[in-house]
Amino acid sequence: MKKKPIVFKVPPNSKLKITFFGPCNEVITNRSIINQLCTPKCQTITQYPDFKKYITEVRSLSRC
């Protein structure tokens, strides 16, 4: 089966963490995308494991 690209929108000055889970809810892998720009950035992921679900977590890079 061909994998479809997954597109994530990363907010300005933020880090997006993506956690992929397997069929038994075990963590398969984590991916991080960092956007240091002042504008949102779209990032496409084409290589990822076979997963049941994924969750995303956004953290700000600024300490203001």
C-alpha atoms as a PDB file:
ATOM      1  CA  MET A   1       0.000   0.000   0.000  1.00  0.00           C
ATOM      2  CA  LYS A   2       1.364   3.416  -0.964  1.00  0.00           C
ATOM      3  CA  LYS A   3       1.706   5.892   1.882  1.00  0.00           C
ATOM      4  CA  LYS A   4       0.108   9.294   1.480  1.00  0.00           C
ATOM      5  CA  PRO A   5       2.074  12.363   2.582  1.00  0.00           C
ATOM      6  CA  ILE A   6       0.990  13.892   5.884  1.00  0.00           C
ATOM      7  CA  VAL A   7       1.034  17.689   6.044  1.00  0.00           C
ATOM      8  CA  PHE A   8       1.518  19.500   9.349  1.00  0.00           C
ATOM      9  CA  LYS A   9       1.195  23.245   9.906  1.00  0.00           C
ATOM     10  CA  VAL A  10       3.753  24.490  12.422  1.00  0.00           C
ATOM     11  CA  PRO A  11       2.934  27.797  14.174  1.00  0.00           C
ATOM     12  CA  PRO A  12       5.507  30.621  14.172  1.00  0.00           C
ATOM     13  CA  ASN A  13       8.471  30.249  16.527  1.00  0.00           C
ATOM     14  CA  SER A  14       7.327  26.792  17.663  1.00  0.00           C
ATOM     15  CA  LYS A  15       8.317  23.155  17.849  1.00  0.00           C
ATOM     16  CA  LEU A  16       5.848  20.471  16.741  1.00  0.00           C
ATOM     17  CA  LYS A  17       6.349  16.981  18.187  1.00  0.00           C
ATOM     18  CA  ILE A  18       4.588  14.077  16.466  1.00  0.00           C
ATOM     19  CA  THR A  19       4.327  10.734  18.274  1.00  0.00           C
ATOM     20  CA  PHE A  20       3.338   7.652  16.260  1.00  0.00           C
ATOM     21  CA  PHE A  21       1.651   4.725  18.052  1.00  0.00           C
ATOM     22  CA  GLY A  22       1.423   1.076  16.996  1.00  0.00           C
ATOM     23  CA  PRO A  23      -1.542  -1.318  17.168  1.00  0.00           C
ATOM     24  CA  CYS A  24      -1.090  -1.961  20.911  1.00  0.00           C
ATOM     25  CA  ASN A  25      -0.735   1.764  21.744  1.00  0.00           C
ATOM     26  CA  GLU A  26       3.045   1.449  22.057  1.00  0.00           C
ATOM     27  CA  VAL A  27       5.171   4.391  20.945  1.00  0.00           C
ATOM     28  CA  ILE A  28       6.851   3.571  17.636  1.00  0.00           C
ATOM     29  CA  THR A  29       8.749   6.794  17.009  1.00  0.00           C
ATOM     30  CA  ASN A  30       8.789  10.542  17.582  1.00  0.00           C
ATOM     31  CA  ARG A  31       9.384  13.235  14.967  1.00  0.00           C
ATOM     32  CA  SER A  32      10.002  16.919  15.623  1.00  0.00           C
ATOM     33  CA  ILE A  33       9.630  19.894  13.305  1.00  0.00           C
ATOM     34  CA  ILE A  34      10.991  23.287  14.330  1.00  0.00           C
ATOM     35  CA  ASN A  35       9.803  26.577  12.847  1.00  0.00           C
ATOM     36  CA  GLN A  36      11.946  29.579  13.820  1.00  0.00           C
ATOM     37  CA  LEU A  37      10.239  31.890  11.336  1.00  0.00           C
ATOM     38  CA  CYS A  38       7.697  34.587  12.206  1.00  0.00           C
ATOM     39  CA  THR A  39       5.115  33.002   9.898  1.00  0.00           C
ATOM     40  CA  PRO A  40       3.422  29.590   9.975  1.00  0.00           C
ATOM     41  CA  LYS A  41       5.161  26.854   8.012  1.00  0.00           C
ATOM     42  CA  CYS A  42       3.679  23.772   6.343  1.00  0.00           C
ATOM     43  CA  GLN A  43       5.843  20.657   6.500  1.00  0.00           C
ATOM     44  CA  THR A  44       5.153  17.412   4.643  1.00  0.00           C
ATOM     45  CA  ILE A  45       6.248  14.053   6.014  1.00  0.00           C
ATOM     46  CA  THR A  46       6.503  11.261   3.452  1.00  0.00           C
ATOM     47  CA  GLN A  47       8.514   8.711   5.439  1.00  0.00           C
ATOM     48  CA  TYR A  48       6.775   7.435   8.534  1.00  0.00           C
ATOM     49  CA  PRO A  49       6.132   4.022  10.144  1.00  0.00           C
ATOM     50  CA  ASP A  50       2.959   1.974   9.837  1.00  0.00           C
ATOM     51  CA  PHE A  51       0.889   3.372  12.676  1.00  0.00           C
ATOM     52  CA  LYS A  52      -2.544   3.111  14.262  1.00  0.00           C
ATOM     53  CA  LYS A  53      -2.694   6.731  15.441  1.00  0.00           C
ATOM     54  CA  TYR A  54      -0.541   9.754  16.088  1.00  0.00           C
ATOM     55  CA  ILE A  55      -0.708  12.736  18.416  1.00  0.00           C
ATOM     56  CA  THR A  56       0.840  16.167  18.061  1.00  0.00           C
ATOM     57  CA  GLU A  57       2.182  18.536  20.698  1.00  0.00           C
ATOM     58  CA  VAL A  58       3.142  22.167  20.062  1.00  0.00           C
ATOM     59  CA  ARG A  59       5.628  24.071  22.207  1.00  0.00           C
ATOM     60  CA  SER A  60       6.665  27.677  21.891  1.00  0.00           C
ATOM     61  CA  LEU A  61      10.366  28.355  21.385  1.00  0.00           C
ATOM     62  CA  SER A  62      10.215  31.779  23.002  1.00  0.00           C
ATOM     63  CA  ARG A  63      10.545  32.234  26.750  1.00  0.00           C
ATOM     64  CA  CYS A  64       8.750  35.598  26.780  1.00  0.00           C
END
